[in-house]
Structure formats: C-alpha cells, structure tokens
Amino acid sequence: MQAQPNPILEVWLPDLPRFASDHPLRALLYKADALPTGAKGYLGGLAERFVVPGGLPVAALTRELMAGDAEGANWLSADPAWVQPDLNGARLLACGQMQLSMEEAQALAKPLKPVFGDAGMILEVSSPDHWHVRLPIESPVPDFASPEQAMGEDLYEHLPQGADGRRWRALLNEVQVMLHQHPLNAERRERGAPPINSLWLWGGGRLPQVVRTAVKGVVGDDVVLGALARRAGIPVQSRSTASVGAAQAGWLIDMQDLAVEDITQQWWPVLQALLSKQPVRWSFASGERWDYRPTHRWRFWRRMPR
C-alpha cells in the first residue's frame, strides 16, 4: 500500500488576486513552495475536499444539519434572493444573507407554501437564510445552477429549459409575483434594504449515506462545509481566535468567505502565530496553493521585487 502524505494544516482563503501586491501574505508566498493548482471556486473546493458519490446534494446536507429529517426525500435549496429586472431579463444580485429574522422569513414563506403544495412539494424554512423544498423521493430534480455560478448573470439563462423545465419556470414566476406583492418588501424598501423578490432553487438531491474526506477537522462557519464535515464524522469548530490558533495538522481553516480586509485586521496575527509552530498550506479559492514551513523564514534570498 502506498504511504499517505503527512497531513498539513490548510488555510482556505479568498481569490489570490483580491490580496494587494503589498499584503504581508504576498511576502510569505515568495518564500513558500508552490504546488500544482487545485480546484477553483467555492463548490469546486468543497468537492475536492469531500467525496460524495453522485455529486454534492447541498440541500439535503444542509437540511439534515439544521433539522435532522432529510432521509427519505429529495431536496432543493430555495434560498431567499434578490433579482433585478433589466432590459434583457433579470439578474441575480443577492442570495442568502438577506438580513431576515425568522419571523420575517416565515411571513414571506407563508403565502408561498400553498403554491409549492399545489405542485406536490413542501416549502420548509430551516433558517432565515436557508429555505428548503421537500419533494417525493421518486421525483426527478433538475440540475439548477448554484448561486456562485449565477450571481450577476441573467436569471433565465440558468433556469431549466424545455418541456421538463416548464413547470419549474412557471412555479418560479408565480413565486416572484407573490413576493413582489408582499407588504414586507415595501417595508424593506423604505428602510433601504433590498427586496426578497425571488427564491433561488439549487443543490438538489438525496442525503448521501457516505461522505469521505482526508480532512481531520474543520474550523469555519460555512453551513455547507459544516454539513459535509458532520456527515463525514469529523469535528467542526466555529471560527474564533482560539479555534484558529489551536488548529492542528490535517485540519482545514475556512476563511474563503471573508473579505481580505477582515482577514488582515482580525485574523492575520493569529495566522502568523501558526506559521511559527507548524507547516501551513495556503489554498486560495482561485486555485493557487503554497506550502510554508517554519524554516522557510530563513530563505532570505527569496524577496519580493521592489
């Protein structure tokens, strides 16, 4: 049997181009060892680290994490979204993280539930930002685009096409009409908040029986990452100075969802402390990767160009 490589602590960061040329991380990368490019993007990065037979059923995984009842059904994520009409159609501008309370989410969902019920589905509000649609186990689920793929693009280019997609397009149109008329959206506009005028359907499938990973544990706050880790049977810790500072080899620290400014101001000191104690793999959402070891600080001949 081929020996497995020694595990290393991995820090998953936003796209490398977001870091300015004078960011202190850039100086570290000049002393680090470059690795082959890895998967790009959020879902690509998850799929590279967690092996799920048949694809990544985000809806079933997150529903199981939040409610524990995902077995025996097909699921779709139906996350609250904001779409902006324009001359060529409508564009997806936001999905999830819409600053809803649970009470507001339930109020928005209430008139929509009969619409889904008439279509043989059940709309569930699992959290203010994460809604789910329960479908019978035998129901086929179209391959909807993820928010990551569709953000900023024409909504209708990412909807199911043809005769099979007609019912989904009609369902979404009815949902959008009802949300447009909802009084809560008028209140949101008055206080300068974007309306919730659509749902984004994506991540369909059944709950997987097995999720495999070489990751030994996760530090992070992302719901899908947490759901995958739980299903794989590895520990998950919320992101804090203490949990990041205590992370060991084989663990994954997820920071790809943070702004670079937040990483610099809040997290950079604790990340620097990690570098003095153990090897660290810097992995970027844009695919670039470097390994940095404590002894690399002596590589004085590797300096950033002035």
C-alpha atoms as a PDB file:
ATOM      1  CA  MET A   1       0.000   0.000   0.000  1.00  0.00           C
ATOM      2  CA  GLN A   2       1.291   3.404  -0.926  1.00  0.00           C
ATOM      3  CA  ALA A   3       2.176   5.598   2.051  1.00  0.00           C
ATOM      4  CA  GLN A   4      -0.097   8.546   2.626  1.00  0.00           C
ATOM      5  CA  PRO A   5       1.492  12.015   2.688  1.00  0.00           C
ATOM      6  CA  ASN A   6       1.882  13.636   6.049  1.00  0.00           C
ATOM      7  CA  PRO A   7      -1.135  15.812   6.864  1.00  0.00           C
ATOM      8  CA  ILE A   8      -0.702  19.567   6.940  1.00  0.00           C
ATOM      9  CA  LEU A   9      -2.816  22.386   8.339  1.00  0.00           C
ATOM     10  CA  GLU A  10      -4.669  24.072   5.476  1.00  0.00           C
ATOM     11  CA  VAL A  11      -5.979  27.641   5.384  1.00  0.00           C
ATOM     12  CA  TRP A  12      -8.594  28.225   2.671  1.00  0.00           C
ATOM     13  CA  LEU A  13      -8.547  31.869   1.576  1.00  0.00           C
ATOM     14  CA  PRO A  14     -10.393  34.095  -0.951  1.00  0.00           C
ATOM     15  CA  ASP A  15      -9.156  34.506  -4.521  1.00  0.00           C
ATOM     16  CA  LEU A  16      -5.473  35.420  -4.575  1.00  0.00           C
ATOM     17  CA  PRO A  17      -5.980  38.495  -6.847  1.00  0.00           C
ATOM     18  CA  ARG A  18      -8.001  40.079  -4.023  1.00  0.00           C
ATOM     19  CA  PHE A  19      -4.820  40.406  -1.952  1.00  0.00           C
ATOM     20  CA  ALA A  20      -2.918  43.593  -2.787  1.00  0.00           C
ATOM     21  CA  SER A  21       0.662  43.308  -4.010  1.00  0.00           C
ATOM     22  CA  ASP A  22       1.934  44.763  -0.714  1.00  0.00           C
ATOM     23  CA  HIS A  23      -0.133  42.497   1.532  1.00  0.00           C
ATOM     24  CA  PRO A  24       2.116  40.642   4.028  1.00  0.00           C
ATOM     25  CA  LEU A  25       0.818  37.330   2.741  1.00  0.00           C
ATOM     26  CA  ARG A  26       2.472  38.022  -0.611  1.00  0.00           C
ATOM     27  CA  ALA A  27       5.907  38.189   1.059  1.00  0.00           C
ATOM     28  CA  LEU A  28       5.303  34.804   2.682  1.00  0.00           C
ATOM     29  CA  LEU A  29       4.349  33.229  -0.625  1.00  0.00           C
ATOM     30  CA  TYR A  30       7.701  34.261  -2.127  1.00  0.00           C
ATOM     31  CA  LYS A  31       9.403  32.068   0.491  1.00  0.00           C
ATOM     32  CA  ALA A  32       6.911  29.201   0.261  1.00  0.00           C
ATOM     33  CA  ASP A  33       6.888  26.178  -2.056  1.00  0.00           C
ATOM     34  CA  ALA A  34       4.398  26.461  -4.921  1.00  0.00           C
ATOM     35  CA  LEU A  35       2.110  23.464  -5.520  1.00  0.00           C
ATOM     36  CA  PRO A  36       0.021  22.421  -8.518  1.00  0.00           C
ATOM     37  CA  THR A  37      -3.175  24.418  -8.917  1.00  0.00           C
ATOM     38  CA  GLY A  38      -6.186  22.960  -7.144  1.00  0.00           C
ATOM     39  CA  ALA A  39      -9.929  23.278  -7.635  1.00  0.00           C
ATOM     40  CA  LYS A  40     -11.367  26.732  -8.223  1.00  0.00           C
ATOM     41  CA  GLY A  41     -14.440  28.261  -6.626  1.00  0.00           C
ATOM     42  CA  TYR A  42     -16.498  27.503  -3.565  1.00  0.00           C
ATOM     43  CA  LEU A  43     -18.301  24.346  -4.675  1.00  0.00           C
ATOM     44  CA  GLY A  44     -15.218  23.113  -6.527  1.00  0.00           C
ATOM     45  CA  GLY A  45     -13.188  23.456  -3.367  1.00  0.00           C
ATOM     46  CA  LEU A  46     -15.764  21.587  -1.311  1.00  0.00           C
ATOM     47  CA  ALA A  47     -15.994  18.766  -3.851  1.00  0.00           C
ATOM     48  CA  GLU A  48     -12.209  18.420  -3.884  1.00  0.00           C
ATOM     49  CA  ARG A  49     -12.032  18.003  -0.115  1.00  0.00           C
ATOM     50  CA  PHE A  50     -15.185  15.914   0.401  1.00  0.00           C
ATOM     51  CA  VAL A  51     -16.060  12.968  -1.820  1.00  0.00           C
ATOM     52  CA  VAL A  52     -19.814  12.450  -2.189  1.00  0.00           C
ATOM     53  CA  PRO A  53     -20.970   9.648  -4.521  1.00  0.00           C
ATOM     54  CA  GLY A  54     -23.195  11.077  -7.241  1.00  0.00           C
ATOM     55  CA  GLY A  55     -22.423  14.764  -6.685  1.00  0.00           C
ATOM     56  CA  LEU A  56     -22.971  17.352  -3.978  1.00  0.00           C
ATOM     57  CA  PRO A  57     -26.611  17.461  -2.739  1.00  0.00           C
ATOM     58  CA  VAL A  58     -26.287  20.733  -0.831  1.00  0.00           C
ATOM     59  CA  ALA A  59     -29.986  20.964   0.048  1.00  0.00           C
ATOM     60  CA  ALA A  60     -30.237  17.524   1.670  1.00  0.00           C
ATOM     61  CA  LEU A  61     -26.970  18.006   3.564  1.00  0.00           C
ATOM     62  CA  THR A  62     -27.914  21.390   4.980  1.00  0.00           C
ATOM     63  CA  ARG A  63     -31.473  20.305   5.817  1.00  0.00           C
ATOM     64  CA  GLU A  64     -30.112  17.314   7.735  1.00  0.00           C
ATOM     65  CA  LEU A  65     -27.715  19.581   9.623  1.00  0.00           C
ATOM     66  CA  MET A  66     -30.478  22.028  10.566  1.00  0.00           C
ATOM     67  CA  ALA A  67     -33.475  19.768  11.101  1.00  0.00           C
ATOM     68  CA  GLY A  68     -32.272  16.161  11.072  1.00  0.00           C
ATOM     69  CA  ASP A  69     -35.125  14.954   8.831  1.00  0.00           C
ATOM     70  CA  ALA A  70     -33.614  14.781   5.345  1.00  0.00           C
ATOM     71  CA  GLU A  71     -33.828  11.000   4.969  1.00  0.00           C
ATOM     72  CA  GLY A  72     -36.424   9.586   2.595  1.00  0.00           C
ATOM     73  CA  ALA A  73     -36.941  12.585   0.303  1.00  0.00           C
ATOM     74  CA  ASN A  74     -35.425  14.631  -2.480  1.00  0.00           C
ATOM     75  CA  TRP A  75     -34.494  18.184  -1.522  1.00  0.00           C
ATOM     76  CA  LEU A  76     -33.865  21.538  -3.149  1.00  0.00           C
ATOM     77  CA  SER A  77     -32.429  24.639  -1.569  1.00  0.00           C
ATOM     78  CA  ALA A  78     -34.841  27.564  -2.032  1.00  0.00           C
ATOM     79  CA  ASP A  79     -32.816  30.443  -0.643  1.00  0.00           C
ATOM     80  CA  PRO A  80     -34.305  33.953  -0.431  1.00  0.00           C
ATOM     81  CA  ALA A  81     -32.930  36.052  -3.264  1.00  0.00           C
ATOM     82  CA  TRP A  82     -32.951  39.474  -4.868  1.00  0.00           C
ATOM     83  CA  VAL A  83     -33.204  39.713  -8.640  1.00  0.00           C
ATOM     84  CA  GLN A  84     -33.059  42.992 -10.530  1.00  0.00           C
ATOM     85  CA  PRO A  85     -35.017  43.345 -13.793  1.00  0.00           C
ATOM     86  CA  ASP A  86     -33.203  44.931 -16.717  1.00  0.00           C
ATOM     87  CA  LEU A  87     -33.706  45.340 -20.462  1.00  0.00           C
ATOM     88  CA  ASN A  88     -32.545  41.784 -21.179  1.00  0.00           C
ATOM     89  CA  GLY A  89     -34.320  39.930 -18.365  1.00  0.00           C
ATOM     90  CA  ALA A  90     -33.428  39.809 -14.685  1.00  0.00           C
ATOM     91  CA  ARG A  91     -30.129  39.385 -12.854  1.00  0.00           C
ATOM     92  CA  LEU A  92     -29.391  37.599  -9.596  1.00  0.00           C
ATOM     93  CA  LEU A  93     -27.818  40.193  -7.286  1.00  0.00           C
ATOM     94  CA  ALA A  94     -28.012  38.501  -3.874  1.00  0.00           C
ATOM     95  CA  CYS A  95     -28.872  35.093  -2.453  1.00  0.00           C
ATOM     96  CA  GLY A  96     -28.990  34.221   1.231  1.00  0.00           C
ATOM     97  CA  GLN A  97     -27.621  36.546   3.918  1.00  0.00           C
ATOM     98  CA  MET A  98     -30.532  38.907   3.311  1.00  0.00           C
ATOM     99  CA  GLN A  99     -30.689  40.091   6.947  1.00  0.00           C
ATOM    100  CA  LEU A 100     -34.010  38.424   7.653  1.00  0.00           C
ATOM    101  CA  SER A 101     -35.312  37.481  11.065  1.00  0.00           C
ATOM    102  CA  MET A 102     -37.017  34.126  11.485  1.00  0.00           C
ATOM    103  CA  GLU A 103     -40.342  35.910  11.910  1.00  0.00           C
ATOM    104  CA  GLU A 104     -39.857  37.809   8.639  1.00  0.00           C
ATOM    105  CA  ALA A 105     -38.788  34.648   6.817  1.00  0.00           C
ATOM    106  CA  GLN A 106     -41.898  32.807   7.987  1.00  0.00           C
ATOM    107  CA  ALA A 107     -44.093  35.748   6.939  1.00  0.00           C
ATOM    108  CA  LEU A 108     -42.579  35.757   3.434  1.00  0.00           C
ATOM    109  CA  ALA A 109     -42.888  31.995   3.099  1.00  0.00           C
ATOM    110  CA  LYS A 110     -46.488  31.725   4.330  1.00  0.00           C
ATOM    111  CA  PRO A 111     -48.238  32.674   1.035  1.00  0.00           C
ATOM    112  CA  LEU A 112     -45.737  30.591  -0.947  1.00  0.00           C
ATOM    113  CA  LYS A 113     -46.371  27.310   0.836  1.00  0.00           C
ATOM    114  CA  PRO A 114     -49.726  26.636  -0.915  1.00  0.00           C
ATOM    115  CA  VAL A 115     -48.035  27.301  -4.266  1.00  0.00           C
ATOM    116  CA  PHE A 116     -45.472  24.604  -3.593  1.00  0.00           C
ATOM    117  CA  GLY A 117     -48.146  22.381  -2.057  1.00  0.00           C
ATOM    118  CA  ASP A 118     -50.210  22.510  -5.259  1.00  0.00           C
ATOM    119  CA  ALA A 119     -47.083  21.328  -7.102  1.00  0.00           C
ATOM    120  CA  GLY A 120     -46.673  18.347  -4.768  1.00  0.00           C
ATOM    121  CA  MET A 121     -43.850  19.874  -2.733  1.00  0.00           C
ATOM    122  CA  ILE A 122     -43.367  21.221   0.797  1.00  0.00           C
ATOM    123  CA  LEU A 123     -41.598  24.512   1.436  1.00  0.00           C
ATOM    124  CA  GLU A 124     -39.638  24.489   4.713  1.00  0.00           C
ATOM    125  CA  VAL A 125     -37.990  27.498   6.379  1.00  0.00           C
ATOM    126  CA  SER A 126     -34.979  25.846   8.003  1.00  0.00           C
ATOM    127  CA  SER A 127     -33.368  29.171   8.953  1.00  0.00           C
ATOM    128  CA  PRO A 128     -33.908  32.787   7.869  1.00  0.00           C
ATOM    129  CA  ASP A 129     -31.303  32.429   5.093  1.00  0.00           C
ATOM    130  CA  HIS A 130     -31.774  28.765   4.215  1.00  0.00           C
ATOM    131  CA  TRP A 131     -35.119  27.509   2.934  1.00  0.00           C
ATOM    132  CA  HIS A 132     -35.689  24.036   1.561  1.00  0.00           C
ATOM    133  CA  VAL A 133     -38.186  22.271  -0.680  1.00  0.00           C
ATOM    134  CA  ARG A 134     -39.086  18.668   0.130  1.00  0.00           C
ATOM    135  CA  LEU A 135     -40.008  16.527  -2.882  1.00  0.00           C
ATOM    136  CA  PRO A 136     -41.157  12.908  -3.037  1.00  0.00           C
ATOM    137  CA  ILE A 137     -38.216  10.517  -3.191  1.00  0.00           C
ATOM    138  CA  GLU A 138     -39.137   9.435  -6.730  1.00  0.00           C
ATOM    139  CA  SER A 139     -39.373  12.997  -8.099  1.00  0.00           C
ATOM    140  CA  PRO A 140     -36.634  13.953 -10.570  1.00  0.00           C
ATOM    141  CA  VAL A 141     -34.732  17.103  -9.655  1.00  0.00           C
ATOM    142  CA  PRO A 142     -33.290  19.334 -12.400  1.00  0.00           C
ATOM    143  CA  ASP A 143     -29.675  20.393 -12.240  1.00  0.00           C
ATOM    144  CA  PHE A 144     -30.124  24.015 -11.120  1.00  0.00           C
ATOM    145  CA  ALA A 145     -27.123  26.363 -11.170  1.00  0.00           C
ATOM    146  CA  SER A 146     -25.591  27.348  -7.841  1.00  0.00           C
ATOM    147  CA  PRO A 147     -25.694  30.989  -6.666  1.00  0.00           C
ATOM    148  CA  GLU A 148     -21.931  31.105  -7.237  1.00  0.00           C
ATOM    149  CA  GLN A 149     -22.445  30.247 -10.901  1.00  0.00           C
ATOM    150  CA  ALA A 150     -25.398  32.568 -11.488  1.00  0.00           C
ATOM    151  CA  MET A 151     -24.534  35.662  -9.464  1.00  0.00           C
ATOM    152  CA  GLY A 152     -24.761  38.794 -11.598  1.00  0.00           C
ATOM    153  CA  GLU A 153     -25.983  36.894 -14.642  1.00  0.00           C
ATOM    154  CA  ASP A 154     -29.307  36.659 -16.411  1.00  0.00           C
ATOM    155  CA  LEU A 155     -31.667  34.646 -14.225  1.00  0.00           C
ATOM    156  CA  TYR A 156     -33.373  32.896 -17.105  1.00  0.00           C
ATOM    157  CA  GLU A 157     -30.145  31.571 -18.591  1.00  0.00           C
ATOM    158  CA  HIS A 158     -29.828  29.377 -15.505  1.00  0.00           C
ATOM    159  CA  LEU A 159     -33.366  28.007 -15.346  1.00  0.00           C
ATOM    160  CA  PRO A 160     -34.283  24.517 -16.612  1.00  0.00           C
ATOM    161  CA  GLN A 161     -35.213  24.605 -20.271  1.00  0.00           C
ATOM    162  CA  GLY A 162     -37.530  22.552 -22.457  1.00  0.00           C
ATOM    163  CA  ALA A 163     -40.735  20.774 -21.550  1.00  0.00           C
ATOM    164  CA  ASP A 164     -39.307  19.304 -18.331  1.00  0.00           C
ATOM    165  CA  GLY A 165     -38.302  22.743 -17.103  1.00  0.00           C
ATOM    166  CA  ARG A 166     -41.630  24.394 -17.910  1.00  0.00           C
ATOM    167  CA  ARG A 167     -43.225  23.554 -14.550  1.00  0.00           C
ATOM    168  CA  TRP A 168     -40.226  24.939 -12.675  1.00  0.00           C
ATOM    169  CA  ARG A 169     -40.219  28.165 -14.659  1.00  0.00           C
ATOM    170  CA  ALA A 170     -43.959  28.569 -14.071  1.00  0.00           C
ATOM    171  CA  LEU A 171     -43.516  27.869 -10.362  1.00  0.00           C
ATOM    172  CA  LEU A 172     -40.734  30.435 -10.045  1.00  0.00           C
ATOM    173  CA  ASN A 173     -42.780  33.051 -11.914  1.00  0.00           C
ATOM    174  CA  GLU A 174     -45.677  32.585  -9.509  1.00  0.00           C
ATOM    175  CA  VAL A 175     -43.329  32.826  -6.527  1.00  0.00           C
ATOM    176  CA  GLN A 176     -41.850  36.069  -7.851  1.00  0.00           C
ATOM    177  CA  VAL A 177     -45.280  37.632  -8.379  1.00  0.00           C
ATOM    178  CA  MET A 178     -46.363  36.805  -4.832  1.00  0.00           C
ATOM    179  CA  LEU A 179     -43.142  38.064  -3.283  1.00  0.00           C
ATOM    180  CA  HIS A 180     -43.309  41.288  -5.301  1.00  0.00           C
ATOM    181  CA  GLN A 181     -46.718  41.974  -3.774  1.00  0.00           C
ATOM    182  CA  HIS A 182     -45.713  41.071  -0.213  1.00  0.00           C
ATOM    183  CA  PRO A 183     -46.030  44.034   2.213  1.00  0.00           C
ATOM    184  CA  LEU A 184     -42.776  43.110   3.945  1.00  0.00           C
ATOM    185  CA  ASN A 185     -40.884  44.053   0.789  1.00  0.00           C
ATOM    186  CA  ALA A 186     -42.419  47.516   0.850  1.00  0.00           C
ATOM    187  CA  GLU A 187     -41.102  47.894   4.398  1.00  0.00           C
ATOM    188  CA  ARG A 188     -37.659  46.719   3.314  1.00  0.00           C
ATOM    189  CA  ARG A 189     -37.527  49.261   0.502  1.00  0.00           C
ATOM    190  CA  GLU A 190     -38.482  52.054   2.902  1.00  0.00           C
ATOM    191  CA  ARG A 191     -35.504  51.278   5.118  1.00  0.00           C
ATOM    192  CA  GLY A 192     -33.110  50.869   2.169  1.00  0.00           C
ATOM    193  CA  ALA A 193     -32.879  47.069   2.242  1.00  0.00           C
ATOM    194  CA  PRO A 194     -33.078  45.044  -0.980  1.00  0.00           C
ATOM    195  CA  PRO A 195     -36.367  43.228  -1.554  1.00  0.00           C
ATOM    196  CA  ILE A 196     -36.769  39.473  -1.305  1.00  0.00           C
ATOM    197  CA  ASN A 197     -38.397  39.055  -4.686  1.00  0.00           C
ATOM    198  CA  SER A 198     -37.383  35.538  -5.670  1.00  0.00           C
ATOM    199  CA  LEU A 199     -36.157  32.189  -4.408  1.00  0.00           C
ATOM    200  CA  TRP A 200     -33.051  30.554  -5.815  1.00  0.00           C
ATOM    201  CA  LEU A 201     -33.567  26.835  -6.356  1.00  0.00           C
ATOM    202  CA  TRP A 202     -30.371  24.765  -6.386  1.00  0.00           C
ATOM    203  CA  GLY A 203     -28.365  21.962  -4.803  1.00  0.00           C
ATOM    204  CA  GLY A 204     -30.919  19.205  -5.366  1.00  0.00           C
ATOM    205  CA  GLY A 205     -30.629  15.546  -4.441  1.00  0.00           C
ATOM    206  CA  ARG A 206     -30.931  12.952  -1.696  1.00  0.00           C
ATOM    207  CA  LEU A 207     -28.993  12.742   1.547  1.00  0.00           C
ATOM    208  CA  PRO A 208     -25.813  10.734   0.881  1.00  0.00           C
ATOM    209  CA  GLN A 209     -25.169   7.722   3.081  1.00  0.00           C
ATOM    210  CA  VAL A 210     -21.405   8.230   2.908  1.00  0.00           C
ATOM    211  CA  VAL A 211     -19.175  11.303   2.731  1.00  0.00           C
ATOM    212  CA  ARG A 212     -15.420  10.653   2.604  1.00  0.00           C
ATOM    213  CA  THR A 213     -12.624  13.083   3.349  1.00  0.00           C
ATOM    214  CA  ALA A 214      -8.962  13.184   4.305  1.00  0.00           C
ATOM    215  CA  VAL A 215      -9.619  16.311   6.383  1.00  0.00           C
ATOM    216  CA  LYS A 216      -9.362  15.588  10.114  1.00  0.00           C
ATOM    217  CA  GLY A 217     -11.414  18.550  11.324  1.00  0.00           C
ATOM    218  CA  VAL A 218     -12.837  21.900  10.248  1.00  0.00           C
ATOM    219  CA  VAL A 219     -12.710  25.422  11.679  1.00  0.00           C
ATOM    220  CA  GLY A 220     -15.283  27.607   9.955  1.00  0.00           C
ATOM    221  CA  ASP A 221     -18.805  28.998   9.873  1.00  0.00           C
ATOM    222  CA  ASP A 222     -19.967  27.968   6.399  1.00  0.00           C
ATOM    223  CA  VAL A 223     -23.168  25.918   6.571  1.00  0.00           C
ATOM    224  CA  VAL A 224     -22.422  23.587   3.640  1.00  0.00           C
ATOM    225  CA  LEU A 225     -18.877  22.917   4.836  1.00  0.00           C
ATOM    226  CA  GLY A 226     -20.217  22.180   8.314  1.00  0.00           C
ATOM    227  CA  ALA A 227     -22.865  19.852   6.919  1.00  0.00           C
ATOM    228  CA  LEU A 228     -20.286  17.908   4.910  1.00  0.00           C
ATOM    229  CA  ALA A 229     -17.966  17.628   7.894  1.00  0.00           C
ATOM    230  CA  ARG A 230     -20.749  16.363  10.155  1.00  0.00           C
ATOM    231  CA  ARG A 231     -21.815  13.791   7.603  1.00  0.00           C
ATOM    232  CA  ALA A 232     -18.194  12.673   7.243  1.00  0.00           C
ATOM    233  CA  GLY A 233     -17.939  12.258  11.008  1.00  0.00           C
ATOM    234  CA  ILE A 234     -15.198  14.803  11.659  1.00  0.00           C
ATOM    235  CA  PRO A 235     -15.283  17.608  14.256  1.00  0.00           C
ATOM    236  CA  VAL A 236     -16.394  21.127  13.404  1.00  0.00           C
ATOM    237  CA  GLN A 237     -15.495  24.232  15.404  1.00  0.00           C
ATOM    238  CA  SER A 238     -16.826  27.719  14.848  1.00  0.00           C
ATOM    239  CA  ARG A 239     -14.263  30.283  13.758  1.00  0.00           C
ATOM    240  CA  SER A 240     -12.678  32.108  16.682  1.00  0.00           C
ATOM    241  CA  THR A 241      -9.212  33.298  17.658  1.00  0.00           C
ATOM    242  CA  ALA A 242      -8.911  30.324  19.990  1.00  0.00           C
ATOM    243  CA  SER A 243     -10.044  27.676  17.488  1.00  0.00           C
ATOM    244  CA  VAL A 244      -7.882  29.054  14.677  1.00  0.00           C
ATOM    245  CA  GLY A 245      -4.858  29.299  16.962  1.00  0.00           C
ATOM    246  CA  ALA A 246      -5.294  25.719  18.178  1.00  0.00           C
ATOM    247  CA  ALA A 247      -5.819  24.083  14.754  1.00  0.00           C
ATOM    248  CA  GLN A 248      -3.547  21.121  14.091  1.00  0.00           C
ATOM    249  CA  ALA A 249      -2.130  19.284  11.087  1.00  0.00           C
ATOM    250  CA  GLY A 250      -4.817  17.772   8.913  1.00  0.00           C
ATOM    251  CA  TRP A 251      -7.422  20.391   9.827  1.00  0.00           C
ATOM    252  CA  LEU A 252      -8.980  22.906   7.441  1.00  0.00           C
ATOM    253  CA  ILE A 253      -9.423  26.547   8.466  1.00  0.00           C
ATOM    254  CA  ASP A 254     -12.081  28.085   6.237  1.00  0.00           C
ATOM    255  CA  MET A 255     -11.657  31.795   5.530  1.00  0.00           C
ATOM    256  CA  GLN A 256     -12.585  31.875   1.844  1.00  0.00           C
ATOM    257  CA  ASP A 257     -15.898  33.550   2.699  1.00  0.00           C
ATOM    258  CA  LEU A 258     -14.248  36.544   4.419  1.00  0.00           C
ATOM    259  CA  ALA A 259     -13.256  39.891   2.981  1.00  0.00           C
ATOM    260  CA  VAL A 260      -9.499  40.413   2.708  1.00  0.00           C
ATOM    261  CA  GLU A 261      -9.823  43.448   4.986  1.00  0.00           C
ATOM    262  CA  ASP A 262     -11.346  41.287   7.717  1.00  0.00           C
ATOM    263  CA  ILE A 263      -8.579  38.714   7.374  1.00  0.00           C
ATOM    264  CA  THR A 264      -5.933  41.420   7.610  1.00  0.00           C
ATOM    265  CA  GLN A 265      -7.400  43.237  10.582  1.00  0.00           C
ATOM    266  CA  GLN A 266      -8.864  40.405  12.653  1.00  0.00           C
ATOM    267  CA  TRP A 267      -7.119  37.185  11.711  1.00  0.00           C
ATOM    268  CA  TRP A 268      -3.644  37.950  10.423  1.00  0.00           C
ATOM    269  CA  PRO A 269      -1.878  37.968  13.847  1.00  0.00           C
ATOM    270  CA  VAL A 270      -3.185  34.509  14.771  1.00  0.00           C
ATOM    271  CA  LEU A 271      -2.318  33.155  11.312  1.00  0.00           C
ATOM    272  CA  GLN A 272       1.230  34.473  11.671  1.00  0.00           C
ATOM    273  CA  ALA A 273       1.489  32.718  15.032  1.00  0.00           C
ATOM    274  CA  LEU A 274       0.550  29.428  13.388  1.00  0.00           C
ATOM    275  CA  LEU A 275       3.409  29.801  10.906  1.00  0.00           C
ATOM    276  CA  SER A 276       5.986  29.756  13.684  1.00  0.00           C
ATOM    277  CA  LYS A 277       4.657  26.452  15.069  1.00  0.00           C
ATOM    278  CA  GLN A 278       3.858  24.188  12.125  1.00  0.00           C
ATOM    279  CA  PRO A 279       3.700  23.872   8.327  1.00  0.00           C
ATOM    280  CA  VAL A 280       0.731  25.631   6.736  1.00  0.00           C
ATOM    281  CA  ARG A 281      -0.795  25.183   3.300  1.00  0.00           C
ATOM    282  CA  TRP A 282      -2.178  28.390   1.834  1.00  0.00           C
ATOM    283  CA  SER A 283      -5.033  27.457  -0.511  1.00  0.00           C
ATOM    284  CA  PHE A 284      -6.903  30.119  -2.448  1.00  0.00           C
ATOM    285  CA  ALA A 285     -10.414  29.953  -3.868  1.00  0.00           C
ATOM    286  CA  SER A 286      -8.862  30.836  -7.231  1.00  0.00           C
ATOM    287  CA  GLY A 287      -6.898  27.561  -7.125  1.00  0.00           C
ATOM    288  CA  GLU A 288      -3.331  28.642  -6.250  1.00  0.00           C
ATOM    289  CA  ARG A 289      -1.588  26.757  -3.430  1.00  0.00           C
ATOM    290  CA  TRP A 290       1.647  27.084  -1.457  1.00  0.00           C
ATOM    291  CA  ASP A 291       3.204  25.167   1.426  1.00  0.00           C
ATOM    292  CA  TYR A 292       5.005  27.273   4.026  1.00  0.00           C
ATOM    293  CA  ARG A 293       7.164  25.729   6.751  1.00  0.00           C
ATOM    294  CA  PRO A 294       8.663  27.479   9.793  1.00  0.00           C
ATOM    295  CA  THR A 295      12.182  27.068   8.351  1.00  0.00           C
ATOM    296  CA  HIS A 296      11.156  28.984   5.230  1.00  0.00           C
ATOM    297  CA  ARG A 297      11.581  32.231   7.145  1.00  0.00           C
ATOM    298  CA  TRP A 298      15.341  31.787   6.618  1.00  0.00           C
ATOM    299  CA  ARG A 299      15.001  31.932   2.849  1.00  0.00           C
ATOM    300  CA  PHE A 300      16.408  35.452   2.713  1.00  0.00           C
ATOM    301  CA  TRP A 301      17.357  35.065  -0.943  1.00  0.00           C
ATOM    302  CA  ARG A 302      13.662  34.927  -1.833  1.00  0.00           C
ATOM    303  CA  ARG A 303      12.458  38.503  -1.694  1.00  0.00           C
ATOM    304  CA  MET A 304       9.566  40.325  -3.257  1.00  0.00           C
ATOM    305  CA  PRO A 305      10.557  42.552  -6.180  1.00  0.00           C
ATOM    306  CA  ARG A 306      10.523  46.252  -5.401  1.00  0.00           C
END
